Amino acid sequence: MSNPNNPRSSSHQHTLKVGTFTCAWCGLTVSTFAADGTRRNHCPSCLHSQHVTDHVEGGTSECRARMTPIAIAVLRTGDWMVIHRCVRCDELTSNPVCTDDNQLILMRIAVRPLAQAPFPLEAFGTL
């Protein structure tokens, strides 16, 4: 039986452990939990991440290089995902957008394909 006055009691074993990491791009110290309590793996300021999970092989990645945000994907549920590419091995990952992520950078990434179209946008004026 657990004793609530004993710090080693089982009721104290389930404490939330909040960690931090330093952003590999901008140097910001970031909490591993977003403002709404969801787990995060990227910087809320610049959206960069670090390659710590190997999604191709499974498990922990030995790469540890910076992951650059390159695109936004929208799931059928309407949830936004940040697509990252590793600068060393080119692996792609997707991670949920957090509520406190930089909205300006999110929108810049989302509209980038329209701003850098692979064809002349002037062609739409004659349609």
N, C-alpha and C. Protein backbone atom coordinates (compact mmCIF):
# COMPACT_ATOMS: atom_id res chain seq x y z
N MET A 1 0.84 -1.18 0.00
CA MET A 1 0.00 0.00 0.00
C MET A 1 0.89 1.24 0.00
N SER A 2 0.51 2.24 -0.78
CA SER A 2 1.36 3.43 -0.88
C SER A 2 1.04 4.42 0.22
N ASN A 3 2.07 5.05 0.71
CA ASN A 3 1.95 6.04 1.75
C ASN A 3 2.10 7.42 1.10
N PRO A 4 1.06 8.30 1.16
CA PRO A 4 1.14 9.61 0.52
C PRO A 4 2.22 10.51 1.09
N ASN A 5 2.70 10.23 2.30
CA ASN A 5 3.75 11.05 2.92
C ASN A 5 5.15 10.58 2.53
N ASN A 6 5.24 9.42 1.91
CA ASN A 6 6.53 8.88 1.52
C ASN A 6 6.85 9.31 0.09
N PRO A 7 7.93 10.07 -0.14
CA PRO A 7 8.26 10.53 -1.50
C PRO A 7 8.58 9.39 -2.46
N ARG A 8 8.89 8.20 -1.93
CA ARG A 8 9.17 7.06 -2.79
C ARG A 8 7.92 6.23 -3.05
N SER A 9 6.80 6.68 -2.56
CA SER A 9 5.56 5.94 -2.73
C SER A 9 5.15 5.95 -4.20
N SER A 10 4.35 4.96 -4.62
CA SER A 10 3.96 4.81 -6.02
C SER A 10 3.14 5.99 -6.52
N SER A 11 2.47 6.72 -5.65
CA SER A 11 1.68 7.87 -6.09
C SER A 11 2.56 9.00 -6.61
N HIS A 12 3.85 8.98 -6.24
CA HIS A 12 4.77 10.02 -6.69
C HIS A 12 5.59 9.59 -7.89
N GLN A 13 5.39 8.37 -8.37
CA GLN A 13 6.18 7.87 -9.49
C GLN A 13 5.68 8.36 -10.84
N HIS A 14 4.52 8.93 -10.91
CA HIS A 14 3.93 9.34 -12.17
C HIS A 14 4.00 10.85 -12.38
N THR A 15 5.07 11.46 -11.92
CA THR A 15 5.21 12.90 -12.09
C THR A 15 5.60 13.21 -13.53
N LEU A 16 5.04 14.29 -14.06
CA LEU A 16 5.34 14.72 -15.42
C LEU A 16 6.77 15.25 -15.46
N LYS A 17 7.59 14.68 -16.30
CA LYS A 17 8.97 15.11 -16.43
C LYS A 17 9.08 16.00 -17.67
N VAL A 18 9.30 17.29 -17.45
CA VAL A 18 9.41 18.25 -18.55
C VAL A 18 10.87 18.46 -18.86
N GLY A 19 11.24 18.15 -20.09
CA GLY A 19 12.61 18.35 -20.52
C GLY A 19 12.71 19.53 -21.46
N THR A 20 13.91 19.86 -21.82
CA THR A 20 14.15 20.94 -22.78
C THR A 20 15.21 20.47 -23.78
N PHE A 21 15.27 21.17 -24.89
CA PHE A 21 16.35 20.98 -25.85
C PHE A 21 16.70 22.33 -26.43
N THR A 22 17.89 22.44 -26.97
CA THR A 22 18.34 23.67 -27.59
C THR A 22 18.17 23.53 -29.09
N CYS A 23 17.51 24.49 -29.72
CA CYS A 23 17.29 24.45 -31.15
C CYS A 23 18.63 24.51 -31.88
N ALA A 24 18.81 23.58 -32.83
CA ALA A 24 20.06 23.51 -33.61
C ALA A 24 20.19 24.67 -34.60
N TRP A 25 19.10 25.38 -34.88
CA TRP A 25 19.14 26.47 -35.85
C TRP A 25 19.23 27.84 -35.18
N CYS A 26 18.29 28.13 -34.27
CA CYS A 26 18.24 29.48 -33.69
C CYS A 26 18.78 29.56 -32.26
N GLY A 27 19.04 28.42 -31.62
CA GLY A 27 19.62 28.41 -30.28
C GLY A 27 18.64 28.59 -29.14
N LEU A 28 17.36 28.68 -29.43
CA LEU A 28 16.33 28.85 -28.39
C LEU A 28 16.26 27.60 -27.51
N THR A 29 16.10 27.78 -26.20
CA THR A 29 15.86 26.66 -25.30
C THR A 29 14.37 26.37 -25.33
N VAL A 30 14.01 25.14 -25.72
CA VAL A 30 12.62 24.78 -26.00
C VAL A 30 12.15 23.69 -25.05
N SER A 31 10.94 23.82 -24.53
CA SER A 31 10.33 22.78 -23.72
C SER A 31 9.88 21.63 -24.62
N THR A 32 9.99 20.40 -24.14
CA THR A 32 9.56 19.25 -24.93
C THR A 32 8.05 19.13 -24.97
N PHE A 33 7.35 20.03 -24.27
CA PHE A 33 5.89 20.06 -24.30
C PHE A 33 5.41 21.43 -24.77
N ALA A 34 4.43 21.44 -25.66
CA ALA A 34 3.85 22.69 -26.16
C ALA A 34 2.97 23.31 -25.08
N ALA A 35 2.47 24.49 -25.34
CA ALA A 35 1.63 25.21 -24.38
C ALA A 35 0.37 24.43 -24.00
N ASP A 36 -0.16 23.62 -24.95
CA ASP A 36 -1.37 22.86 -24.66
C ASP A 36 -1.08 21.48 -24.06
N GLY A 37 0.20 21.19 -23.77
CA GLY A 37 0.58 19.94 -23.12
C GLY A 37 0.98 18.81 -24.06
N THR A 38 0.85 19.03 -25.38
CA THR A 38 1.25 17.99 -26.32
C THR A 38 2.77 17.95 -26.45
N ARG A 39 3.27 16.79 -26.74
CA ARG A 39 4.72 16.61 -26.89
C ARG A 39 5.19 17.27 -28.19
N ARG A 40 6.34 17.92 -28.14
CA ARG A 40 6.87 18.59 -29.33
C ARG A 40 8.29 18.10 -29.59
N ASN A 41 8.69 18.17 -30.87
CA ASN A 41 10.05 17.79 -31.23
C ASN A 41 10.70 18.82 -32.14
N HIS A 42 10.09 19.98 -32.27
CA HIS A 42 10.67 21.04 -33.10
C HIS A 42 10.55 22.38 -32.38
N CYS A 43 11.36 23.32 -32.82
CA CYS A 43 11.39 24.66 -32.21
C CYS A 43 10.13 25.43 -32.60
N PRO A 44 9.42 26.03 -31.64
CA PRO A 44 8.22 26.79 -31.98
C PRO A 44 8.53 28.12 -32.67
N SER A 45 9.77 28.58 -32.57
CA SER A 45 10.14 29.85 -33.16
C SER A 45 10.52 29.72 -34.63
N CYS A 46 11.41 28.78 -34.96
CA CYS A 46 11.89 28.66 -36.35
C CYS A 46 11.43 27.36 -37.01
N LEU A 47 10.82 26.45 -36.26
CA LEU A 47 10.26 25.17 -36.71
C LEU A 47 11.31 24.13 -37.09
N HIS A 48 12.60 24.39 -36.86
CA HIS A 48 13.63 23.39 -37.14
C HIS A 48 13.60 22.31 -36.06
N SER A 49 14.15 21.16 -36.40
CA SER A 49 14.16 20.02 -35.50
C SER A 49 15.53 19.36 -35.58
N GLN A 50 15.69 18.24 -34.88
CA GLN A 50 16.93 17.48 -34.95
C GLN A 50 16.58 16.04 -35.29
N HIS A 51 17.39 15.40 -36.12
CA HIS A 51 17.14 14.04 -36.58
C HIS A 51 17.53 13.05 -35.47
N VAL A 52 16.59 12.73 -34.61
CA VAL A 52 16.85 11.82 -33.49
C VAL A 52 16.14 10.48 -33.64
N THR A 53 15.10 10.42 -34.49
CA THR A 53 14.37 9.18 -34.72
C THR A 53 14.55 8.76 -36.16
N ASP A 54 14.90 7.50 -36.37
CA ASP A 54 15.06 6.97 -37.71
C ASP A 54 13.75 6.33 -38.13
N HIS A 55 12.97 7.02 -38.94
CA HIS A 55 11.65 6.53 -39.34
C HIS A 55 11.75 5.42 -40.39
N VAL A 56 12.84 5.37 -41.13
CA VAL A 56 13.02 4.34 -42.16
C VAL A 56 13.41 3.01 -41.50
N GLU A 57 14.42 3.05 -40.63
CA GLU A 57 14.91 1.84 -39.98
C GLU A 57 14.16 1.54 -38.69
N GLY A 58 13.52 2.54 -38.11
CA GLY A 58 12.87 2.38 -36.80
C GLY A 58 13.89 2.59 -35.69
N GLY A 59 13.47 3.17 -34.60
CA GLY A 59 14.38 3.38 -33.47
C GLY A 59 15.08 4.71 -33.50
N THR A 60 16.14 4.81 -32.73
CA THR A 60 16.90 6.04 -32.58
C THR A 60 17.86 6.22 -33.75
N SER A 61 17.93 7.43 -34.26
CA SER A 61 18.82 7.73 -35.39
C SER A 61 20.20 8.12 -34.88
N GLU A 62 21.21 7.66 -35.58
CA GLU A 62 22.59 8.04 -35.28
C GLU A 62 22.94 9.35 -35.99
N CYS A 63 22.10 9.82 -36.90
CA CYS A 63 22.38 10.97 -37.74
C CYS A 63 22.55 12.25 -36.91
N ARG A 64 21.56 12.59 -36.12
CA ARG A 64 21.56 13.75 -35.22
C ARG A 64 21.73 15.10 -35.92
N ALA A 65 21.55 15.15 -37.23
CA ALA A 65 21.69 16.41 -37.98
C ALA A 65 20.42 17.25 -37.84
N ARG A 66 20.50 18.47 -38.33
CA ARG A 66 19.36 19.39 -38.28
C ARG A 66 18.31 18.99 -39.31
N MET A 67 17.05 19.11 -38.93
CA MET A 67 15.92 18.86 -39.81
C MET A 67 15.31 20.22 -40.17
N THR A 68 15.25 20.52 -41.46
CA THR A 68 14.74 21.80 -41.94
C THR A 68 13.26 21.67 -42.30
N PRO A 69 12.41 22.62 -41.87
CA PRO A 69 11.00 22.58 -42.27
C PRO A 69 10.89 22.96 -43.75
N ILE A 70 10.29 22.09 -44.56
CA ILE A 70 10.24 22.37 -46.01
C ILE A 70 8.83 22.50 -46.55
N ALA A 71 7.82 22.02 -45.82
CA ALA A 71 6.46 22.07 -46.35
C ALA A 71 5.45 21.87 -45.22
N ILE A 72 4.21 22.13 -45.56
CA ILE A 72 3.08 21.87 -44.66
C ILE A 72 2.18 20.88 -45.37
N ALA A 73 1.72 19.88 -44.63
CA ALA A 73 0.73 18.93 -45.15
C ALA A 73 -0.50 19.05 -44.28
N VAL A 74 -1.68 18.91 -44.89
CA VAL A 74 -2.92 18.96 -44.14
C VAL A 74 -3.57 17.59 -44.22
N LEU A 75 -3.81 17.00 -43.06
CA LEU A 75 -4.44 15.68 -43.00
C LEU A 75 -5.93 15.77 -43.30
N ARG A 76 -6.56 14.64 -43.55
CA ARG A 76 -8.02 14.61 -43.78
C ARG A 76 -8.79 15.19 -42.61
N THR A 77 -8.22 15.10 -41.42
CA THR A 77 -8.87 15.62 -40.22
C THR A 77 -8.79 17.14 -40.14
N GLY A 78 -7.96 17.74 -41.02
CA GLY A 78 -7.75 19.19 -40.98
C GLY A 78 -6.53 19.58 -40.17
N ASP A 79 -5.90 18.61 -39.50
CA ASP A 79 -4.70 18.90 -38.72
C ASP A 79 -3.53 19.19 -39.65
N TRP A 80 -2.71 20.19 -39.28
CA TRP A 80 -1.53 20.56 -40.07
C TRP A 80 -0.33 19.79 -39.55
N MET A 81 0.55 19.38 -40.48
CA MET A 81 1.79 18.69 -40.17
C MET A 81 2.95 19.47 -40.79
N VAL A 82 4.05 19.59 -40.06
CA VAL A 82 5.27 20.19 -40.61
C VAL A 82 6.09 19.05 -41.22
N ILE A 83 6.48 19.22 -42.48
CA ILE A 83 7.33 18.24 -43.14
C ILE A 83 8.78 18.73 -43.01
N HIS A 84 9.63 17.88 -42.45
CA HIS A 84 11.04 18.20 -42.26
C HIS A 84 11.90 17.32 -43.16
N ARG A 85 13.03 17.89 -43.62
CA ARG A 85 14.03 17.12 -44.37
C ARG A 85 15.37 17.25 -43.64
N CYS A 86 16.03 16.11 -43.43
CA CYS A 86 17.33 16.10 -42.78
C CYS A 86 18.38 16.69 -43.73
N VAL A 87 19.20 17.61 -43.21
CA VAL A 87 20.21 18.25 -44.05
C VAL A 87 21.38 17.31 -44.36
N ARG A 88 21.51 16.21 -43.62
CA ARG A 88 22.62 15.28 -43.86
C ARG A 88 22.18 14.08 -44.72
N CYS A 89 21.09 13.41 -44.34
CA CYS A 89 20.73 12.16 -45.02
C CYS A 89 19.46 12.26 -45.87
N ASP A 90 18.83 13.43 -45.90
CA ASP A 90 17.63 13.70 -46.71
C ASP A 90 16.38 12.94 -46.29
N GLU A 91 16.37 12.28 -45.12
CA GLU A 91 15.15 11.61 -44.67
C GLU A 91 14.06 12.65 -44.44
N LEU A 92 12.82 12.31 -44.82
CA LEU A 92 11.67 13.18 -44.60
C LEU A 92 10.87 12.67 -43.41
N THR A 93 10.36 13.60 -42.59
CA THR A 93 9.48 13.25 -41.48
C THR A 93 8.31 14.22 -41.46
N SER A 94 7.26 13.85 -40.77
CA SER A 94 6.13 14.76 -40.56
C SER A 94 5.83 14.80 -39.07
N ASN A 95 5.55 16.00 -38.58
CA ASN A 95 5.28 16.21 -37.17
C ASN A 95 4.12 17.17 -37.02
N PRO A 96 3.24 16.94 -36.05
CA PRO A 96 2.09 17.82 -35.88
C PRO A 96 2.50 19.26 -35.54
N VAL A 97 1.76 20.21 -36.10
CA VAL A 97 1.95 21.61 -35.74
C VAL A 97 1.43 21.79 -34.32
N CYS A 98 2.16 22.52 -33.50
CA CYS A 98 1.76 22.79 -32.12
C CYS A 98 1.06 24.15 -32.05
N THR A 99 0.23 24.32 -31.03
CA THR A 99 -0.57 25.54 -30.91
C THR A 99 0.27 26.80 -30.76
N ASP A 100 1.47 26.67 -30.23
CA ASP A 100 2.31 27.86 -30.03
C ASP A 100 3.42 28.00 -31.07
N ASP A 101 3.31 27.28 -32.19
CA ASP A 101 4.28 27.42 -33.28
C ASP A 101 4.14 28.80 -33.94
N ASN A 102 5.23 29.30 -34.47
CA ASN A 102 5.27 30.61 -35.13
C ASN A 102 4.34 30.60 -36.35
N GLN A 103 3.23 31.33 -36.25
CA GLN A 103 2.21 31.33 -37.30
C GLN A 103 2.69 31.97 -38.59
N LEU A 104 3.54 32.97 -38.50
CA LEU A 104 4.06 33.63 -39.69
C LEU A 104 4.93 32.65 -40.50
N ILE A 105 5.80 31.92 -39.83
CA ILE A 105 6.64 30.96 -40.55
C ILE A 105 5.80 29.82 -41.11
N LEU A 106 4.79 29.37 -40.36
CA LEU A 106 3.89 28.33 -40.87
C LEU A 106 3.23 28.77 -42.18
N MET A 107 2.74 30.01 -42.21
CA MET A 107 2.08 30.51 -43.42
C MET A 107 3.07 30.70 -44.56
N ARG A 108 4.28 31.17 -44.26
CA ARG A 108 5.31 31.31 -45.30
C ARG A 108 5.60 29.97 -45.96
N ILE A 109 5.72 28.93 -45.14
CA ILE A 109 5.99 27.59 -45.68
C ILE A 109 4.79 27.10 -46.48
N ALA A 110 3.58 27.35 -45.98
CA ALA A 110 2.37 26.86 -46.65
C ALA A 110 2.16 27.50 -48.02
N VAL A 111 2.49 28.79 -48.16
CA VAL A 111 2.24 29.47 -49.44
C VAL A 111 3.45 29.47 -50.37
N ARG A 112 4.58 28.95 -49.92
CA ARG A 112 5.79 28.93 -50.74
C ARG A 112 5.56 28.32 -52.13
N PRO A 113 4.83 27.21 -52.28
CA PRO A 113 4.61 26.67 -53.63
C PRO A 113 3.90 27.65 -54.56
N LEU A 114 3.03 28.50 -54.02
CA LEU A 114 2.34 29.49 -54.86
C LEU A 114 3.28 30.63 -55.25
N ALA A 115 4.18 30.98 -54.34
CA ALA A 115 5.12 32.07 -54.61
C ALA A 115 6.25 31.64 -55.54
N GLN A 116 6.52 30.34 -55.59
CA GLN A 116 7.61 29.82 -56.43
C GLN A 116 7.06 28.77 -57.39
N ALA A 117 6.05 29.14 -58.15
CA ALA A 117 5.41 28.21 -59.08
C ALA A 117 6.40 27.77 -60.17
N PRO A 118 6.29 26.51 -60.64
CA PRO A 118 7.21 26.02 -61.67
C PRO A 118 6.81 26.45 -63.09
N PHE A 119 5.87 27.36 -63.18
CA PHE A 119 5.39 27.88 -64.46
C PHE A 119 5.06 29.36 -64.27
N PRO A 120 4.97 30.14 -65.34
CA PRO A 120 4.67 31.57 -65.19
C PRO A 120 3.21 31.79 -64.75
N LEU A 121 3.04 32.52 -63.67
CA LEU A 121 1.70 32.79 -63.14
C LEU A 121 0.91 33.72 -64.06
N GLU A 122 1.59 34.45 -64.95
CA GLU A 122 0.91 35.35 -65.86
C GLU A 122 -0.03 34.58 -66.81
N ALA A 123 0.21 33.30 -66.99
CA ALA A 123 -0.63 32.48 -67.87
C ALA A 123 -2.07 32.43 -67.37
N PHE A 124 -2.29 32.64 -66.07
CA PHE A 124 -3.64 32.61 -65.53
C PHE A 124 -4.46 33.82 -65.97
N GLY A 125 -3.80 34.91 -66.32
CA GLY A 125 -4.49 36.12 -66.76
C GLY A 125 -5.20 35.93 -68.10
N THR A 126 -4.74 35.02 -68.92
CA THR A 126 -5.35 34.81 -70.25
C THR A 126 -6.39 33.68 -70.24
N LEU A 127 -6.59 33.03 -69.14
CA LEU A 127 -7.57 31.92 -69.09
C LEU A 127 -8.98 32.41 -68.88
